[in-house]
């Protein structure tokens, strides 16, 4: 009988040890996972650190201009890649972010014919638009385009389209026109 109790105690201790080790491993995984997601830059943080449009078009550097919205899932999906691109190319390229929900940027939305987001416009070092892409794009596509932009060469992946989010608009009617300027129906 005493032997059965000892065996039972040993099994319980072993079970408790395994449960403890698994709990510690899961806790570490959770903490590291949360730390990684907190460290990735959000759209709002990137927008606050972006180059102002007025500076970008006048500083003699080429520019990647992104039209985005905080609710845009495609924009959110690309935020990590864009943070990497800014870290890699930020000394040579301006990164401008224009929120389409801010009516301040309506003239630019109309000028660059933004009808889906994310929408990226590439400006040469004189501030002139030379190409655009729309929707989610792989990191390698942006790297190729930015390298060509820096070298003043044609962009290899210009005017391409990936997954987009349709614009939601609250902008006012312009000059009595009953259609919203971004409605294309």
Protein backbone atom coordinates (compact mmCIF):
# COMPACT_ATOMS: atom_id res chain seq x y z
CA UNK A 1 0.00 0.00 0.00
CA UNK A 2 2.78 2.40 0.87
CA UNK A 3 4.38 1.61 -2.48
CA UNK A 4 1.15 2.59 -4.32
CA UNK A 5 1.03 5.89 -2.43
CA UNK A 6 4.67 6.61 -3.33
CA UNK A 7 4.00 5.80 -6.99
CA UNK A 8 0.90 8.00 -6.94
CA UNK A 9 2.85 10.89 -5.39
CA UNK A 10 5.61 10.52 -7.98
CA UNK A 11 3.11 10.55 -10.84
CA UNK A 12 1.38 13.63 -9.38
CA UNK A 13 4.67 15.46 -8.97
CA UNK A 14 5.70 14.60 -12.53
CA UNK A 15 2.31 15.73 -13.87
CA UNK A 16 2.52 19.00 -11.93
CA UNK A 17 6.07 19.58 -13.20
CA UNK A 18 4.97 19.06 -16.81
CA UNK A 19 1.98 21.40 -16.32
CA UNK A 20 4.28 24.02 -14.79
CA UNK A 21 6.80 23.82 -17.64
CA UNK A 22 4.04 24.07 -20.26
CA UNK A 23 2.50 27.06 -18.44
CA UNK A 24 5.87 28.84 -18.37
CA UNK A 25 6.46 28.11 -22.07
CA UNK A 26 3.01 29.43 -23.02
CA UNK A 27 3.50 32.54 -20.89
CA UNK A 28 6.84 33.29 -22.55
CA UNK A 29 5.33 32.79 -25.99
CA UNK A 30 2.47 35.14 -25.16
CA UNK A 31 4.76 37.83 -23.73
CA UNK A 32 7.15 37.67 -26.69
CA UNK A 33 4.25 37.71 -29.15
CA UNK A 34 2.74 40.81 -27.54
CA UNK A 35 6.12 42.51 -27.41
CA UNK A 36 6.62 41.92 -31.14
CA UNK A 37 3.22 43.34 -32.06
CA UNK A 38 3.73 46.38 -29.82
CA UNK A 39 7.10 47.10 -31.44
CA UNK A 40 5.75 47.10 -35.00
CA UNK A 41 4.87 50.61 -36.10
CA UNK A 42 1.20 51.41 -36.52
CA UNK A 43 -0.16 53.51 -39.37
CA UNK A 44 -0.74 56.41 -36.99
CA UNK A 45 2.83 56.29 -35.67
CA UNK A 46 4.23 56.13 -39.19
CA UNK A 47 2.03 59.04 -40.30
CA UNK A 48 3.24 61.17 -37.40
CA UNK A 49 6.87 60.46 -38.38
CA UNK A 50 6.32 60.87 -42.13
CA UNK A 51 7.83 63.69 -44.15
CA UNK A 52 5.32 66.53 -44.66
CA UNK A 53 4.19 66.80 -48.30
CA UNK A 54 5.34 70.43 -48.55
CA UNK A 55 8.86 69.44 -47.49
CA UNK A 56 9.00 66.36 -49.73
CA UNK A 57 8.16 68.15 -52.97
CA UNK A 58 10.84 70.78 -52.34
CA UNK A 59 13.84 68.99 -50.79
CA UNK A 60 15.34 67.46 -53.94
CA UNK A 61 14.79 63.83 -52.87
CA UNK A 62 12.45 61.36 -54.58
CA UNK A 63 9.25 60.56 -52.69
CA UNK A 64 6.96 57.64 -51.98
CA UNK A 65 3.55 59.09 -51.15
CA UNK A 66 0.95 56.78 -49.58
CA UNK A 67 -2.76 57.50 -49.52
CA UNK A 68 -4.18 55.46 -46.64
CA UNK A 69 -6.88 55.26 -43.96
CA UNK A 70 -6.67 53.83 -40.45
CA UNK A 71 -9.64 51.51 -41.13
CA UNK A 72 -8.04 50.08 -44.30
CA UNK A 73 -7.07 46.46 -43.71
CA UNK A 74 -4.74 46.43 -46.72
CA UNK A 75 -2.98 49.54 -45.37
CA UNK A 76 -2.63 47.91 -41.97
CA UNK A 77 -1.29 44.72 -43.54
CA UNK A 78 1.49 46.68 -45.27
CA UNK A 79 2.46 48.86 -42.29
CA UNK A 80 5.28 46.55 -41.18
CA UNK A 81 6.82 46.37 -44.65
CA UNK A 82 6.62 50.14 -45.05
CA UNK A 83 8.38 50.61 -41.70
CA UNK A 84 11.16 48.33 -42.98
CA UNK A 85 11.39 50.30 -46.24
CA UNK A 86 11.58 53.58 -44.36
CA UNK A 87 14.38 52.20 -42.17
CA UNK A 88 16.27 51.00 -45.26
CA UNK A 89 15.66 53.90 -47.67
CA UNK A 90 14.65 56.78 -45.38
CA UNK A 91 17.88 58.71 -45.96
CA UNK A 92 17.41 58.68 -49.73
CA UNK A 93 13.61 58.80 -50.17
CA UNK A 94 10.87 60.89 -48.56
CA UNK A 95 8.02 58.84 -47.11
CA UNK A 96 4.78 60.87 -47.14
CA UNK A 97 1.47 59.60 -45.74
CA UNK A 98 -1.86 61.27 -46.58
CA UNK A 99 -4.98 60.06 -44.78
CA UNK A 100 -7.89 60.06 -47.25
CA UNK A 101 -10.34 60.65 -44.38
CA UNK A 102 -8.78 64.07 -43.78
CA UNK A 103 -10.52 66.54 -46.12
CA UNK A 104 -7.31 68.60 -46.14
CA UNK A 105 -5.95 66.08 -48.67
CA UNK A 106 -9.00 66.14 -51.00
CA UNK A 107 -7.13 68.20 -53.65
CA UNK A 108 -4.34 65.58 -53.70
CA UNK A 109 -6.86 62.71 -53.76
CA UNK A 110 -8.44 64.28 -56.84
CA UNK A 111 -5.14 65.28 -58.46
CA UNK A 112 -3.67 61.77 -58.21
CA UNK A 113 -7.04 60.09 -58.99
CA UNK A 114 -7.12 58.02 -55.82
CA UNK A 115 -10.09 55.68 -55.96
CA UNK A 116 -8.83 52.83 -53.79
CA UNK A 117 -6.33 52.45 -50.99
CA UNK A 118 -3.57 51.92 -50.27
CA UNK A 119 -2.53 54.04 -53.23
CA UNK A 120 1.15 54.84 -53.71
CA UNK A 121 2.46 57.64 -55.90
CA UNK A 122 6.16 57.87 -56.77
CA UNK A 123 7.51 61.39 -57.20
CA UNK A 124 10.88 62.16 -58.77
CA UNK A 125 13.38 64.47 -57.08
CA UNK A 126 11.59 67.46 -58.66
CA UNK A 127 8.27 66.52 -57.02
CA UNK A 128 6.59 65.31 -60.23
CA UNK A 129 4.53 62.13 -60.23
CA UNK A 130 6.17 59.48 -62.40
CA UNK A 131 4.31 56.29 -61.45
CA UNK A 132 1.80 54.76 -59.08
CA UNK A 133 0.72 51.45 -57.64
CA UNK A 134 -2.47 50.55 -55.88
CA UNK A 135 -3.21 47.88 -53.31
CA UNK A 136 -1.09 45.51 -51.30
CA UNK A 137 2.32 44.97 -52.87
CA UNK A 138 5.10 42.56 -51.84
CA UNK A 139 8.13 44.05 -50.09
CA UNK A 140 10.35 43.01 -53.03
CA UNK A 141 8.21 45.05 -55.45
CA UNK A 142 8.64 48.18 -53.33
CA UNK A 143 12.35 47.56 -52.96
CA UNK A 144 12.73 47.28 -56.74
CA UNK A 145 10.69 50.44 -57.31
CA UNK A 146 12.55 52.43 -54.66
CA UNK A 147 15.96 51.36 -55.95
CA UNK A 148 14.95 52.46 -59.45
CA UNK A 149 13.49 55.71 -58.09
CA UNK A 150 16.76 56.51 -56.29
CA UNK A 151 18.80 55.70 -59.42
CA UNK A 152 16.43 57.84 -61.54
CA UNK A 153 15.53 54.79 -63.67
CA UNK A 154 12.10 53.64 -64.86
CA UNK A 155 10.23 51.83 -62.08
CA UNK A 156 10.05 48.09 -62.88
CA UNK A 157 6.69 47.56 -61.13
CA UNK A 158 4.95 50.85 -61.83
CA UNK A 159 1.21 51.11 -62.31
CA UNK A 160 0.51 47.73 -60.73
CA UNK A 161 -2.53 46.79 -58.68
CA UNK A 162 -2.92 44.53 -55.65
CA UNK A 163 -5.64 44.06 -53.03
CA UNK A 164 -7.36 47.35 -52.15
CA UNK A 165 -9.94 48.78 -49.79
CA UNK A 166 -12.65 50.94 -51.35
CA UNK A 167 -12.75 54.51 -50.14
CA UNK A 168 -15.38 55.49 -47.60
CA UNK A 169 -16.05 59.15 -47.97
CA UNK A 170 -17.70 61.90 -45.97
CA UNK A 171 -16.37 64.69 -48.19
CA UNK A 172 -18.65 67.54 -49.21
CA UNK A 173 -20.19 67.97 -52.64
CA UNK A 174 -18.03 70.20 -54.84
CA UNK A 175 -19.48 73.20 -56.75
CA UNK A 176 -23.07 71.99 -56.64
CA UNK A 177 -22.21 68.62 -58.20
CA UNK A 178 -24.50 66.04 -56.62
CA UNK A 179 -21.98 63.25 -57.20
CA UNK A 180 -19.12 62.74 -54.82
CA UNK A 181 -15.81 63.31 -56.63
CA UNK A 182 -14.62 59.85 -55.64
CA UNK A 183 -17.74 57.97 -56.81
CA UNK A 184 -17.03 56.13 -60.04
CA UNK A 185 -20.30 54.41 -60.73
